[in-house]
PDB file of N, CA and C in Angstrom:
ATOM      1  N   UNK A   1      29.585 -28.171  58.614  1.00  0.00           N
ATOM      2  CA  UNK A   1      29.369 -29.570  58.344  1.00  0.00           C
ATOM      3  C   UNK A   1      30.681 -30.308  58.580  1.00  0.00           C
ATOM      4  N   UNK A   2      30.619 -31.385  59.341  1.00  0.00           N
ATOM      5  CA  UNK A   2      31.804 -32.195  59.610  1.00  0.00           C
ATOM      6  C   UNK A   2      32.032 -33.177  58.470  1.00  0.00           C
ATOM      7  N   UNK A   3      33.284 -33.369  58.146  1.00  0.00           N
ATOM      8  CA  UNK A   3      33.670 -34.337  57.118  1.00  0.00           C
ATOM      9  C   UNK A   3      34.674 -35.299  57.720  1.00  0.00           C
ATOM     10  N   UNK A   4      34.506 -36.560  57.402  1.00  0.00           N
ATOM     11  CA  UNK A   4      35.473 -37.550  57.856  1.00  0.00           C
ATOM     12  C   UNK A   4      36.666 -37.522  56.920  1.00  0.00           C
ATOM     13  N   UNK A   5      37.845 -37.486  57.497  1.00  0.00           N
ATOM     14  CA  UNK A   5      39.079 -37.510  56.730  1.00  0.00           C
ATOM     15  C   UNK A   5      39.941 -38.633  57.302  1.00  0.00           C
ATOM     16  N   UNK A   6      40.416 -39.477  56.446  1.00  0.00           N
ATOM     17  CA  UNK A   6      41.284 -40.567  56.887  1.00  0.00           C
ATOM     18  C   UNK A   6      42.715 -40.257  56.492  1.00  0.00           C
ATOM     19  N   UNK A   7      43.635 -40.504  57.408  1.00  0.00           N
ATOM     20  CA  UNK A   7      45.050 -40.301  57.126  1.00  0.00           C
ATOM     21  C   UNK A   7      45.861 -41.198  58.046  1.00  0.00           C
ATOM     22  N   UNK A   8      47.116 -41.353  57.702  1.00  0.00           N
ATOM     23  CA  UNK A   8      48.010 -42.187  58.488  1.00  0.00           C
ATOM     24  C   UNK A   8      49.084 -41.313  59.117  1.00  0.00           C
ATOM     25  N   UNK A   9      49.312 -41.512  60.392  1.00  0.00           N
ATOM     26  CA  UNK A   9      50.365 -40.795  61.108  1.00  0.00           C
ATOM     27  C   UNK A   9      51.565 -41.714  61.264  1.00  0.00           C
ATOM     28  N   UNK A  10      52.725 -41.099  61.384  1.00  0.00           N
ATOM     29  CA  UNK A  10      53.917 -41.888  61.714  1.00  0.00           C
ATOM     30  C   UNK A  10      53.712 -42.481  63.104  1.00  0.00           C
ATOM     31  N   UNK A  11      54.466 -43.512  63.414  1.00  0.00           N
ATOM     32  CA  UNK A  11      54.354 -44.133  64.741  1.00  0.00           C
ATOM     33  C   UNK A  11      54.596 -43.125  65.852  1.00  0.00           C
ATOM     34  N   UNK A  12      55.570 -42.228  65.647  1.00  0.00           N
ATOM     35  CA  UNK A  12      55.900 -41.233  66.668  1.00  0.00           C
ATOM     36  C   UNK A  12      54.733 -40.276  66.896  1.00  0.00           C
ATOM     37  N   UNK A  13      54.119 -39.804  65.798  1.00  0.00           N
ATOM     38  CA  UNK A  13      52.996 -38.878  65.957  1.00  0.00           C
ATOM     39  C   UNK A  13      51.770 -39.578  66.536  1.00  0.00           C
ATOM     40  N   UNK A  14      51.543 -40.808  66.120  1.00  0.00           N
ATOM     41  CA  UNK A  14      50.409 -41.548  66.680  1.00  0.00           C
ATOM     42  C   UNK A  14      50.579 -41.732  68.184  1.00  0.00           C
ATOM     43  N   UNK A  15      51.790 -42.057  68.618  1.00  0.00           N
ATOM     44  CA  UNK A  15      52.070 -42.200  70.047  1.00  0.00           C
ATOM     45  C   UNK A  15      51.843 -40.880  70.767  1.00  0.00           C
ATOM     46  N   UNK A  16      52.291 -39.791  70.171  1.00  0.00           N
ATOM     47  CA  UNK A  16      52.126 -38.461  70.771  1.00  0.00           C
ATOM     48  C   UNK A  16      50.644 -38.123  70.930  1.00  0.00           C
ATOM     49  N   UNK A  17      49.857 -38.350  69.887  1.00  0.00           N
ATOM     50  CA  UNK A  17      48.428 -38.067  69.937  1.00  0.00           C
ATOM     51  C   UNK A  17      47.758 -38.939  70.996  1.00  0.00           C
ATOM     52  N   UNK A  18      48.083 -40.221  71.020  1.00  0.00           N
ATOM     53  CA  UNK A  18      47.508 -41.137  72.008  1.00  0.00           C
ATOM     54  C   UNK A  18      47.836 -40.667  73.427  1.00  0.00           C
ATOM     55  N   UNK A  19      49.080 -40.244  73.656  1.00  0.00           N
ATOM     56  CA  UNK A  19      49.483 -39.767  74.983  1.00  0.00           C
ATOM     57  C   UNK A  19      48.683 -38.528  75.396  1.00  0.00           C
ATOM     58  N   UNK A  20      48.422 -37.654  74.449  1.00  0.00           N
ATOM     59  CA  UNK A  20      47.623 -36.456  74.752  1.00  0.00           C
ATOM     60  C   UNK A  20      46.222 -36.845  75.198  1.00  0.00           C
ATOM     61  N   UNK A  21      45.622 -37.819  74.503  1.00  0.00           N
ATOM     62  CA  UNK A  21      44.273 -38.270  74.855  1.00  0.00           C
ATOM     63  C   UNK A  21      44.297 -39.008  76.192  1.00  0.00           C
ATOM     64  N   UNK A  22      45.264 -39.894  76.370  1.00  0.00           N
ATOM     65  CA  UNK A  22      45.345 -40.664  77.610  1.00  0.00           C
ATOM     66  C   UNK A  22      45.620 -39.796  78.829  1.00  0.00           C
ATOM     67  N   UNK A  23      46.282 -38.651  78.612  1.00  0.00           N
ATOM     68  CA  UNK A  23      46.571 -37.746  79.730  1.00  0.00           C
ATOM     69  C   UNK A  23      45.320 -37.021  80.220  1.00  0.00           C
ATOM     70  N   UNK A  24      44.261 -37.071  79.426  1.00  0.00           N
ATOM     71  CA  UNK A  24      43.040 -36.361  79.783  1.00  0.00           C
ATOM     72  C   UNK A  24      43.008 -34.935  79.272  1.00  0.00           C
ATOM     73  N   UNK A  25      44.104 -34.520  78.640  1.00  0.00           N
ATOM     74  CA  UNK A  25      44.174 -33.150  78.115  1.00  0.00           C
ATOM     75  C   UNK A  25      43.206 -32.978  76.938  1.00  0.00           C
ATOM     76  N   UNK A  26      42.953 -34.050  76.204  1.00  0.00           N
ATOM     77  CA  UNK A  26      42.025 -34.048  75.068  1.00  0.00           C
ATOM     78  C   UNK A  26      41.104 -35.251  75.205  1.00  0.00           C
ATOM     79  N   UNK A  27      39.910 -35.142  74.608  1.00  0.00           N
ATOM     80  CA  UNK A  27      38.951 -36.241  74.719  1.00  0.00           C
ATOM     81  C   UNK A  27      38.997 -37.186  73.526  1.00  0.00           C
ATOM     82  N   UNK A  28      39.648 -36.757  72.433  1.00  0.00           N
ATOM     83  CA  UNK A  28      39.688 -37.613  71.246  1.00  0.00           C
ATOM     84  C   UNK A  28      40.905 -37.290  70.392  1.00  0.00           C
ATOM     85  N   UNK A  29      41.226 -38.237  69.516  1.00  0.00           N
ATOM     86  CA  UNK A  29      42.292 -37.999  68.542  1.00  0.00           C
ATOM     87  C   UNK A  29      41.945 -36.787  67.684  1.00  0.00           C
ATOM     88  N   UNK A  30      40.683 -36.706  67.286  1.00  0.00           N
ATOM     89  CA  UNK A  30      40.251 -35.608  66.417  1.00  0.00           C
ATOM     90  C   UNK A  30      40.490 -34.257  67.078  1.00  0.00           C
ATOM     91  N   UNK A  31      40.256 -34.170  68.376  1.00  0.00           N
ATOM     92  CA  UNK A  31      40.460 -32.910  69.084  1.00  0.00           C
ATOM     93  C   UNK A  31      41.941 -32.521  69.091  1.00  0.00           C
ATOM     94  N   UNK A  32      42.826 -33.487  69.241  1.00  0.00           N
ATOM     95  CA  UNK A  32      44.271 -33.215  69.219  1.00  0.00           C
ATOM     96  C   UNK A  32      44.661 -32.692  67.840  1.00  0.00           C
ATOM     97  N   UNK A  33      44.204 -33.372  66.801  1.00  0.00           N
ATOM     98  CA  UNK A  33      44.541 -32.969  65.427  1.00  0.00           C
ATOM     99  C   UNK A  33      43.968 -31.591  65.125  1.00  0.00           C
ATOM    100  N   UNK A  34      42.726 -31.345  65.543  1.00  0.00           N
ATOM    101  CA  UNK A  34      42.101 -30.039  65.309  1.00  0.00           C
ATOM    102  C   UNK A  34      42.889 -28.926  65.994  1.00  0.00           C
ATOM    103  N   UNK A  35      43.289 -29.157  67.231  1.00  0.00           N
ATOM    104  CA  UNK A  35      44.073 -28.159  67.963  1.00  0.00           C
ATOM    105  C   UNK A  35      45.398 -27.898  67.256  1.00  0.00           C
ATOM    106  N   UNK A  36      46.040 -28.972  66.783  1.00  0.00           N
ATOM    107  CA  UNK A  36      47.292 -28.804  66.051  1.00  0.00           C
ATOM    108  C   UNK A  36      47.106 -27.996  64.778  1.00  0.00           C
ATOM    109  N   UNK A  37      46.002 -28.240  64.071  1.00  0.00           N
ATOM    110  CA  UNK A  37      45.738 -27.486  62.838  1.00  0.00           C
ATOM    111  C   UNK A  37      45.431 -26.022  63.133  1.00  0.00           C
ATOM    112  N   UNK A  38      44.732 -25.767  64.229  1.00  0.00           N
ATOM    113  CA  UNK A  38      44.471 -24.375  64.612  1.00  0.00           C
ATOM    114  C   UNK A  38      45.769 -23.638  64.944  1.00  0.00           C
ATOM    115  N   UNK A  39      46.682 -24.331  65.617  1.00  0.00           N
ATOM    116  CA  UNK A  39      47.988 -23.728  65.911  1.00  0.00           C
ATOM    117  C   UNK A  39      48.774 -23.464  64.633  1.00  0.00           C
ATOM    118  N   UNK A  40      48.693 -24.388  63.680  1.00  0.00           N
ATOM    119  CA  UNK A  40      49.356 -24.196  62.391  1.00  0.00           C
ATOM    120  C   UNK A  40      48.777 -22.995  61.657  1.00  0.00           C
ATOM    121  N   UNK A  41      47.452 -22.853  61.699  1.00  0.00           N
ATOM    122  CA  UNK A  41      46.799 -21.704  61.075  1.00  0.00           C
ATOM    123  C   UNK A  41      47.257 -20.399  61.731  1.00  0.00           C
ATOM    124  N   UNK A  42      47.342 -20.413  63.062  1.00  0.00           N
ATOM    125  CA  UNK A  42      47.801 -19.226  63.794  1.00  0.00           C
ATOM    126  C   UNK A  42      49.245 -18.883  63.417  1.00  0.00           C
ATOM    127  N   UNK A  43      50.100 -19.893  63.330  1.00  0.00           N
ATOM    128  CA  UNK A  43      51.502 -19.666  62.952  1.00  0.00           C
ATOM    129  C   UNK A  43      51.587 -19.071  61.555  1.00  0.00           C
ATOM    130  N   UNK A  44      50.783 -19.598  60.628  1.00  0.00           N
ATOM    131  CA  UNK A  44      50.774 -19.058  59.265  1.00  0.00           C
ATOM    132  C   UNK A  44      50.366 -17.596  59.262  1.00  0.00           C
ATOM    133  N   UNK A  45      49.367 -17.255  60.074  1.00  0.00           N
ATOM    134  CA  UNK A  45      48.913 -15.863  60.154  1.00  0.00           C
ATOM    135  C   UNK A  45      50.023 -14.962  60.702  1.00  0.00           C
ATOM    136  N   UNK A  46      50.706 -15.431  61.737  1.00  0.00           N
ATOM    137  CA  UNK A  46      51.807 -14.648  62.321  1.00  0.00           C
ATOM    138  C   UNK A  46      52.897 -14.416  61.271  1.00  0.00           C
ATOM    139  N   UNK A  47      53.207 -15.440  60.494  1.00  0.00           N
ATOM    140  CA  UNK A  47      54.241 -15.302  59.459  1.00  0.00           C
ATOM    141  C   UNK A  47      53.825 -14.280  58.400  1.00  0.00           C
ATOM    142  N   UNK A  48      52.560 -14.275  58.031  1.00  0.00           N
ATOM    143  CA  UNK A  48      52.067 -13.293  57.055  1.00  0.00           C
ATOM    144  C   UNK A  48      52.185 -11.881  57.610  1.00  0.00           C
ATOM    145  N   UNK A  49      51.790 -11.702  58.870  1.00  0.00           N
ATOM    146  CA  UNK A  49      51.870 -10.379  59.507  1.00  0.00           C
ATOM    147  C   UNK A  49      53.317  -9.911  59.578  1.00  0.00           C
ATOM    148  N   UNK A  50      54.224 -10.807  59.958  1.00  0.00           N
ATOM    149  CA  UNK A  50      55.643 -10.444  60.034  1.00  0.00           C
ATOM    150  C   UNK A  50      56.190 -10.070  58.660  1.00  0.00           C
ATOM    151  N   UNK A  51      55.816 -10.839  57.640  1.00  0.00           N
ATOM    152  CA  UNK A  51      56.282 -10.557  56.278  1.00  0.00           C
ATOM    153  C   UNK A  51      55.777  -9.196  55.813  1.00  0.00           C
ATOM    154  N   UNK A  52      54.500  -8.907  56.063  1.00  0.00           N
ATOM    155  CA  UNK A  52      53.935  -7.614  55.673  1.00  0.00           C
ATOM    156  C   UNK A  52      54.641  -6.468  56.392  1.00  0.00           C
ATOM    157  N   UNK A  53      54.923  -6.675  57.684  1.00  0.00           N
ATOM    158  CA  UNK A  53      55.619  -5.644  58.458  1.00  0.00           C
ATOM    159  C   UNK A  53      57.023  -5.411  57.898  1.00  0.00           C
ATOM    160  N   UNK A  54      57.719  -6.495  57.579  1.00  0.00           N
ATOM    161  CA  UNK A  54      59.064  -6.380  57.013  1.00  0.00           C
ATOM    162  C   UNK A  54      59.036  -5.649  55.675  1.00  0.00           C
ATOM    163  N   UNK A  55      58.089  -5.990  54.821  1.00  0.00           N
ATOM    164  CA  UNK A  55      57.985  -5.317  53.527  1.00  0.00           C
ATOM    165  C   UNK A  55      57.684  -3.834  53.692  1.00  0.00           C
ATOM    166  N   UNK A  56      56.812  -3.495  54.672  1.00  0.00           N
ATOM    167  CA  UNK A  56      56.532  -2.076  54.943  1.00  0.00           C
ATOM    168  C   UNK A  56      57.791  -1.351  55.395  1.00  0.00           C
ATOM    169  N   UNK A  57      58.536  -1.994  56.300  1.00  0.00           N
ATOM    170  CA  UNK A  57      59.756  -1.364  56.805  1.00  0.00           C
ATOM    171  C   UNK A  57      60.798  -1.209  55.701  1.00  0.00           C
ATOM    172  N   UNK A  58      60.904  -2.202  54.838  1.00  0.00           N
ATOM    173  CA  UNK A  58      61.830  -2.086  53.703  1.00  0.00           C
ATOM    174  C   UNK A  58      61.409  -0.956  52.776  1.00  0.00           C
ATOM    175  N   UNK A  59      60.120  -0.872  52.507  1.00  0.00           N
ATOM    176  CA  UNK A  59      59.610   0.186  51.642  1.00  0.00           C
ATOM    177  C   UNK A  59      59.883   1.560  52.249  1.00  0.00           C
ATOM    178  N   UNK A  60      59.638   1.683  53.561  1.00  0.00           N
ATOM    179  CA  UNK A  60      59.922   2.951  54.242  1.00  0.00           C
ATOM    180  C   UNK A  60      61.407   3.282  54.171  1.00  0.00           C
ATOM    181  N   UNK A  61      62.253   2.271  54.367  1.00  0.00           N
ATOM    182  CA  UNK A  61      63.698   2.497  54.307  1.00  0.00           C
ATOM    183  C   UNK A  61      64.157   2.938  52.932  1.00  0.00           C
ATOM    184  N   UNK A  62      63.599   2.345  51.904  1.00  0.00           N
ATOM    185  CA  UNK A  62      63.948   2.737  50.531  1.00  0.00           C
ATOM    186  C   UNK A  62      63.514   4.168  50.269  1.00  0.00           C
ATOM    187  N   UNK A  63      62.309   4.503  50.723  1.00  0.00           N
ATOM    188  CA  UNK A  63      61.817   5.880  50.533  1.00  0.00           C
ATOM    189  C   UNK A  63      62.695   6.869  51.279  1.00  0.00           C
ATOM    190  N   UNK A  64      63.105   6.521  52.487  1.00  0.00           N
ATOM    191  CA  UNK A  64      63.974   7.412  53.254  1.00  0.00           C
ATOM    192  C   UNK A  64      65.334   7.563  52.581  1.00  0.00           C
ATOM    193  N   UNK A  65      65.868   6.477  52.069  1.00  0.00           N
ATOM    194  CA  UNK A  65      67.158   6.555  51.373  1.00  0.00           C
ATOM    195  C   UNK A  65      67.037   7.417  50.123  1.00  0.00           C
ATOM    196  N   UNK A  66      65.945   7.272  49.415  1.00  0.00           N
ATOM    197  CA  UNK A  66      65.729   8.091  48.218  1.00  0.00           C
ATOM    198  C   UNK A  66      65.608   9.567  48.561  1.00  0.00           C
ATOM    199  N   UNK A  67      65.110   9.866  49.763  1.00  0.00           N
ATOM    200  CA  UNK A  67      64.998  11.254  50.227  1.00  0.00           C
ATOM    201  C   UNK A  67      66.246  11.715  50.971  1.00  0.00           C
ATOM    202  N   UNK A  68      67.294  10.878  50.950  1.00  0.00           N
ATOM    203  CA  UNK A  68      68.571  11.166  51.615  1.00  0.00           C
ATOM    204  C   UNK A  68      68.431  11.267  53.125  1.00  0.00           C
ATOM    205  N   UNK A  69      67.469  10.550  53.675  1.00  0.00           N
ATOM    206  CA  UNK A  69      67.283  10.503  55.128  1.00  0.00           C
ATOM    207  C   UNK A  69      68.022   9.274  55.649  1.00  0.00           C
ATOM    208  N   UNK A  70      69.313   9.312  55.570  1.00  0.00           N
ATOM    209  CA  UNK A  70      70.137   8.162  55.930  1.00  0.00           C
ATOM    210  C   UNK A  70      70.570   8.256  57.387  1.00  0.00           C
ATOM    211  N   UNK A  71      70.762   7.093  57.995  1.00  0.00           N
ATOM    212  CA  UNK A  71      71.240   7.052  59.378  1.00  0.00           C
ATOM    213  C   UNK A  71      72.495   6.194  59.447  1.00  0.00           C
ATOM    214  N   UNK A  72      73.230   6.363  60.505  1.00  0.00           N
ATOM    215  CA  UNK A  72      74.488   5.666  60.704  1.00  0.00           C
ATOM    216  C   UNK A  72      74.259   4.150  60.781  1.00  0.00           C
ATOM    217  N   UNK A  73      75.170   3.379  60.205  1.00  0.00           N
ATOM    218  CA  UNK A  73      75.043   1.915  60.166  1.00  0.00           C
ATOM    219  C   UNK A  73      74.938   1.315  61.566  1.00  0.00           C
ATOM    220  N   UNK A  74      75.686   1.836  62.529  1.00  0.00           N
ATOM    221  CA  UNK A  74      75.619   1.301  63.891  1.00  0.00           C
ATOM    222  C   UNK A  74      74.225   1.458  64.480  1.00  0.00           C
ATOM    223  N   UNK A  75      73.572   2.584  64.186  1.00  0.00           N
ATOM    224  CA  UNK A  75      72.203   2.786  64.666  1.00  0.00           C
ATOM    225  C   UNK A  75      71.253   1.783  64.019  1.00  0.00           C
ATOM    226  N   UNK A  76      71.469   1.480  62.744  1.00  0.00           N
ATOM    227  CA  UNK A  76      70.636   0.504  62.032  1.00  0.00           C
ATOM    228  C   UNK A  76      70.786  -0.866  62.667  1.00  0.00           C
ATOM    229  N   UNK A  77      72.018  -1.318  62.874  1.00  0.00           N
ATOM    230  CA  UNK A  77      72.254  -2.635  63.464  1.00  0.00           C
ATOM    231  C   UNK A  77      71.662  -2.730  64.867  1.00  0.00           C
ATOM    232  N   UNK A  78      71.787  -1.680  65.644  1.00  0.00           N
ATOM    233  CA  UNK A  78      71.231  -1.664  66.996  1.00  0.00           C
ATOM    234  C   UNK A  78      69.700  -1.772  66.929  1.00  0.00           C
ATOM    235  N   UNK A  79      69.103  -1.034  66.023  1.00  0.00           N
ATOM    236  CA  UNK A  79      67.650  -1.081  65.861  1.00  0.00           C
ATOM    237  C   UNK A  79      67.168  -2.449  65.410  1.00  0.00           C
ATOM    238  N   UNK A  80      67.913  -3.074  64.479  1.00  0.00           N
ATOM    239  CA  UNK A  80      67.541  -4.414  64.017  1.00  0.00           C
ATOM    240  C   UNK A  80      67.647  -5.426  65.155  1.00  0.00           C
ATOM    241  N   UNK A  81      68.680  -5.311  65.953  1.00  0.00           N
ATOM    242  CA  UNK A  81      68.852  -6.236  67.073  1.00  0.00           C
ATOM    243  C   UNK A  81      67.692  -6.068  68.074  1.00  0.00           C
ATOM    244  N   UNK A  82      67.304  -4.837  68.330  1.00  0.00           N
ATOM    245  CA  UNK A  82      66.177  -4.584  69.247  1.00  0.00           C
ATOM    246  C   UNK A  82      64.894  -5.185  68.695  1.00  0.00           C
ATOM    247  N   UNK A  83      64.665  -5.005  67.398  1.00  0.00           N
ATOM    248  CA  UNK A  83      63.439  -5.518  66.784  1.00  0.00           C
ATOM    249  C   UNK A  83      63.417  -7.043  66.760  1.00  0.00           C
ATOM    250  N   UNK A  84      64.558  -7.659  66.448  1.00  0.00           N
ATOM    251  CA  UNK A  84      64.577  -9.126  66.381  1.00  0.00           C
ATOM    252  C   UNK A  84      64.328  -9.735  67.749  1.00  0.00           C
ATOM    253  N   UNK A  85      64.795  -9.107  68.814  1.00  0.00           N
ATOM    254  CA  UNK A  85      64.550  -9.644  70.144  1.00  0.00           C
ATOM    255  C   UNK A  85      63.095  -9.417  70.557  1.00  0.00           C
ATOM    256  N   UNK A  86      62.447  -8.378  70.023  1.00  0.00           N
ATOM    257  CA  UNK A  86      61.046  -8.131  70.397  1.00  0.00           C
ATOM    258  C   UNK A  86      60.084  -9.031  69.628  1.00  0.00           C
ATOM    259  N   UNK A  87      60.508  -9.618  68.491  1.00  0.00           N
ATOM    260  CA  UNK A  87      59.632 -10.519  67.727  1.00  0.00           C
ATOM    261  C   UNK A  87      59.371 -11.791  68.494  1.00  0.00           C
ATOM    262  N   UNK A  88      60.266 -12.205  69.334  1.00  0.00           N
ATOM    263  CA  UNK A  88      60.094 -13.431  70.084  1.00  0.00           C
ATOM    264  C   UNK A  88      59.184 -13.284  71.285  1.00  0.00           C
ATOM    265  N   UNK A  89      58.745 -12.083  71.575  1.00  0.00           N
ATOM    266  CA  UNK A  89      57.907 -11.828  72.770  1.00  0.00           C
ATOM    267  C   UNK A  89      56.458 -12.118  72.498  1.00  0.00           C
TER     268      UNK A  89
END
């Protein structure tokens, strides 16, 4: 069921939305806003997945440290650098 929602955009955002519609990329203001909200939802999901992955890795690291499965600090930093560059892909 569709619901009408009224809100006010800043002049800059209103201009941006209007330009998207005028370019033919979208057929209505509502479509631009809906697409933006879907992207926001997707970003939120990605952040949750990343947070869960980080917590799992931290938990694994703590368990390994407790079992004395320690690795050299240089290897850790190298691994973190590799992982941080792969998150942007």
